[in-house]
């Protein structure tokens, strides 16, 4: 009797990149992030995603302007959240206290996490990937993450303290301690 050997394919591990490599990489018409050194390439989001992101950005921007808050609103900005291997994430929208902005402005990605991160789901987003992204933001120090799901017409709110909340379309997103006084009915941006 001879022992049978199982066939085991040899798969090369993905080439790891750094944040500096990512800055130099050009991939037109794609959304790219770096997750633990691995390049993640996705299709650009569609109309609904853009409409919701713009509507919420307008609401937040108007609030920040009106209140004179010491916060800035950023869209599609890359944040370096971890090193060795590097993780660079780019939220749909982010809010950052002005005093946390690096001086001078960095040539590449900011090495900090925003105070508030907003992600708008696209049809192809996978739940596990979204939760991994939320975990990356919170682990890096983000206080509040809103994940807006246009299909289900809800938002999920994740907090640094580990609590979570589901906001339905007839309820409001609340800036809590990050964007004081901000409240926006979810249906107003859906």
Protein backbone atom coordinates (compact mmCIF):
# COMPACT_ATOMS: atom_id res chain seq x y z
CA UNK A 1 0.00 0.00 0.00
CA UNK A 2 1.41 3.42 -0.93
CA UNK A 3 0.66 6.64 0.82
CA UNK A 4 -1.14 9.18 -1.31
CA UNK A 5 0.04 12.73 -1.26
CA UNK A 6 -2.44 15.53 -1.46
CA UNK A 7 -1.83 18.17 -4.08
CA UNK A 8 -1.19 21.51 -2.41
CA UNK A 9 -1.03 24.49 -4.75
CA UNK A 10 1.72 26.95 -4.07
CA UNK A 11 0.32 30.45 -3.91
CA UNK A 12 2.66 33.39 -3.59
CA UNK A 13 1.68 35.82 -0.87
CA UNK A 14 0.51 39.19 -2.14
CA UNK A 15 3.23 41.77 -2.53
CA UNK A 16 3.06 44.22 0.33
CA UNK A 17 3.08 47.93 -0.31
CA UNK A 18 3.76 50.93 1.85
CA UNK A 19 1.82 54.17 2.08
CA UNK A 20 4.62 55.82 0.07
CA UNK A 21 4.17 53.21 -2.69
CA UNK A 22 0.44 53.93 -2.72
CA UNK A 23 1.00 57.67 -3.20
CA UNK A 24 3.05 56.91 -6.32
CA UNK A 25 0.63 54.31 -7.75
CA UNK A 26 -1.79 55.58 -10.39
CA UNK A 27 -4.94 53.54 -10.98
CA UNK A 28 -7.35 55.77 -12.90
CA UNK A 29 -11.08 55.59 -12.26
CA UNK A 30 -10.74 53.29 -9.23
CA UNK A 31 -10.99 53.70 -5.47
CA UNK A 32 -7.87 52.37 -3.78
CA UNK A 33 -6.93 51.72 -0.16
CA UNK A 34 -4.07 49.90 1.51
CA UNK A 35 -5.03 47.33 4.14
CA UNK A 36 -2.18 45.84 6.13
CA UNK A 37 0.13 46.34 3.16
CA UNK A 38 -2.25 44.86 0.58
CA UNK A 39 -3.60 47.06 -2.20
CA UNK A 40 -7.40 47.02 -2.37
CA UNK A 41 -8.86 48.23 -5.68
CA UNK A 42 -12.58 48.86 -6.10
CA UNK A 43 -14.84 50.34 -8.71
CA UNK A 44 -15.89 53.92 -8.15
CA UNK A 45 -19.25 54.21 -6.39
CA UNK A 46 -22.39 55.06 -8.31
CA UNK A 47 -24.86 57.92 -8.39
CA UNK A 48 -26.80 57.13 -5.20
CA UNK A 49 -23.57 56.96 -3.21
CA UNK A 50 -22.42 60.30 -4.61
CA UNK A 51 -25.79 61.97 -4.04
CA UNK A 52 -25.96 60.90 -0.40
CA UNK A 53 -22.33 61.81 0.28
CA UNK A 54 -22.83 65.26 -1.25
CA UNK A 55 -26.09 65.87 0.64
CA UNK A 56 -24.56 64.91 3.97
CA UNK A 57 -21.39 66.88 3.22
CA UNK A 58 -23.53 69.94 2.48
CA UNK A 59 -25.49 69.53 5.74
CA UNK A 60 -22.34 69.10 7.81
CA UNK A 61 -20.51 71.92 6.01
CA UNK A 62 -23.40 74.33 6.55
CA UNK A 63 -23.51 73.43 10.25
CA UNK A 64 -19.76 73.89 10.67
CA UNK A 65 -19.89 77.24 8.87
CA UNK A 66 -22.89 78.47 10.85
CA UNK A 67 -21.51 77.47 14.24
CA UNK A 68 -17.93 78.50 13.54
CA UNK A 69 -16.87 75.10 14.83
CA UNK A 70 -13.18 74.40 15.00
CA UNK A 71 -13.69 71.44 12.67
CA UNK A 72 -12.96 70.76 9.01
CA UNK A 73 -14.83 68.52 6.62
CA UNK A 74 -12.79 66.27 4.34
CA UNK A 75 -13.90 64.05 1.48
CA UNK A 76 -11.99 61.05 0.08
CA UNK A 77 -8.84 61.96 2.00
CA UNK A 78 -6.37 59.17 2.74
CA UNK A 79 -5.46 58.58 6.38
CA UNK A 80 -2.54 56.39 7.38
CA UNK A 81 -3.93 54.41 10.29
CA UNK A 82 -1.18 51.84 10.89
CA UNK A 83 2.45 51.08 10.02
CA UNK A 84 4.46 47.97 9.25
CA UNK A 85 2.40 46.88 7.43
CA UNK A 86 0.76 50.13 6.43
CA UNK A 87 -2.98 50.70 6.36
CA UNK A 88 -4.35 53.72 4.49
CA UNK A 89 -8.10 54.24 4.44
CA UNK A 90 -10.12 56.89 2.61
CA UNK A 91 -13.58 57.58 4.05
CA UNK A 92 -16.39 59.07 2.02
CA UNK A 93 -16.49 61.99 4.48
CA UNK A 94 -14.55 62.83 7.60
CA UNK A 95 -14.62 65.54 10.22
CA UNK A 96 -11.45 66.57 12.00
CA UNK A 97 -10.77 69.14 14.71
CA UNK A 98 -8.76 71.96 13.15
CA UNK A 99 -6.12 71.86 15.91
CA UNK A 100 -5.30 68.27 14.91
CA UNK A 101 -4.34 69.24 11.36
CA UNK A 102 -0.61 68.66 10.88
CA UNK A 103 1.58 71.71 10.25
CA UNK A 104 3.09 71.79 7.74
CA UNK A 105 0.61 69.89 5.61
CA UNK A 106 1.93 66.41 4.85
CA UNK A 107 3.08 65.58 1.33
CA UNK A 108 1.28 62.27 1.52
CA UNK A 109 -1.34 60.87 3.85
CA UNK A 110 -2.16 62.30 7.26
CA UNK A 111 -0.95 59.97 10.01
CA UNK A 112 -3.97 60.31 12.26
CA UNK A 113 -7.59 59.28 12.40
CA UNK A 114 -10.49 61.68 11.93
CA UNK A 115 -12.87 62.44 14.79
CA UNK A 116 -15.93 61.42 12.73
CA UNK A 117 -15.90 59.07 9.73
CA UNK A 118 -18.84 58.63 7.38
CA UNK A 119 -19.09 55.71 5.00
CA UNK A 120 -21.93 55.34 2.49
CA UNK A 121 -22.49 51.76 1.36
CA UNK A 122 -22.44 50.83 -2.30
CA UNK A 123 -24.29 47.78 -3.67
CA UNK A 124 -21.10 45.69 -3.88
CA UNK A 125 -19.93 46.32 -0.31
CA UNK A 126 -19.55 43.15 1.73
CA UNK A 127 -20.56 43.24 5.41
CA UNK A 128 -17.29 41.73 6.64
CA UNK A 129 -15.21 44.28 4.72
CA UNK A 130 -17.32 47.14 6.05
CA UNK A 131 -16.96 45.93 9.63
CA UNK A 132 -13.20 45.56 9.14
CA UNK A 133 -13.07 49.14 7.93
CA UNK A 134 -15.08 50.33 10.95
CA UNK A 135 -12.71 48.39 13.23
CA UNK A 136 -9.70 50.03 11.56
CA UNK A 137 -11.16 53.50 12.14
CA UNK A 138 -12.07 52.86 15.77
CA UNK A 139 -8.77 51.11 16.55
CA UNK A 140 -6.90 54.11 15.17
CA UNK A 141 -8.77 56.49 17.48
CA UNK A 142 -11.81 57.69 15.54
CA UNK A 143 -14.54 58.61 18.02
CA UNK A 144 -17.63 58.12 15.86
CA UNK A 145 -18.32 56.18 12.62
CA UNK A 146 -21.56 56.45 10.65
CA UNK A 147 -22.24 53.75 8.05
CA UNK A 148 -25.17 54.77 5.87
CA UNK A 149 -27.04 52.00 4.08
CA UNK A 150 -29.20 53.53 1.31
CA UNK A 151 -30.80 50.21 0.37
CA UNK A 152 -32.12 49.49 3.87
CA UNK A 153 -32.62 53.21 4.60
CA UNK A 154 -30.76 53.02 7.92
CA UNK A 155 -27.47 54.19 9.37
CA UNK A 156 -25.35 52.27 11.83
CA UNK A 157 -23.50 54.33 14.39
CA UNK A 158 -20.33 52.88 15.90
CA UNK A 159 -18.66 54.57 18.86
CA UNK A 160 -15.16 54.42 20.34
CA UNK A 161 -16.62 53.08 23.59
CA UNK A 162 -17.92 49.98 21.75
CA UNK A 163 -21.59 50.93 21.67
CA UNK A 164 -23.61 50.73 18.49
CA UNK A 165 -26.93 52.17 17.35
CA UNK A 166 -29.18 51.78 14.34
CA UNK A 167 -30.75 55.01 13.09
CA UNK A 168 -33.85 54.56 10.94
CA UNK A 169 -34.89 56.93 8.14
CA UNK A 170 -37.35 58.74 10.43
CA UNK A 171 -34.66 59.37 13.06
CA UNK A 172 -31.69 61.75 13.01
CA UNK A 173 -27.94 61.40 12.80
CA UNK A 174 -26.43 63.17 15.80
CA UNK A 175 -22.95 64.69 15.96
CA UNK A 176 -22.81 63.78 19.66
CA UNK A 177 -19.62 65.09 21.28
CA UNK A 178 -17.77 65.33 17.96
CA UNK A 179 -19.89 67.82 16.00
CA UNK A 180 -21.75 69.58 18.79
CA UNK A 181 -25.29 70.63 17.93
CA UNK A 182 -25.40 68.76 14.61
CA UNK A 183 -28.53 66.79 13.93
CA UNK A 184 -29.79 65.73 10.53
CA UNK A 185 -32.84 63.59 9.80
CA UNK A 186 -31.55 60.56 7.92
CA UNK A 187 -34.38 60.82 5.36
CA UNK A 188 -33.06 64.30 4.42
CA UNK A 189 -29.93 62.77 2.89
CA UNK A 190 -31.37 59.49 1.61
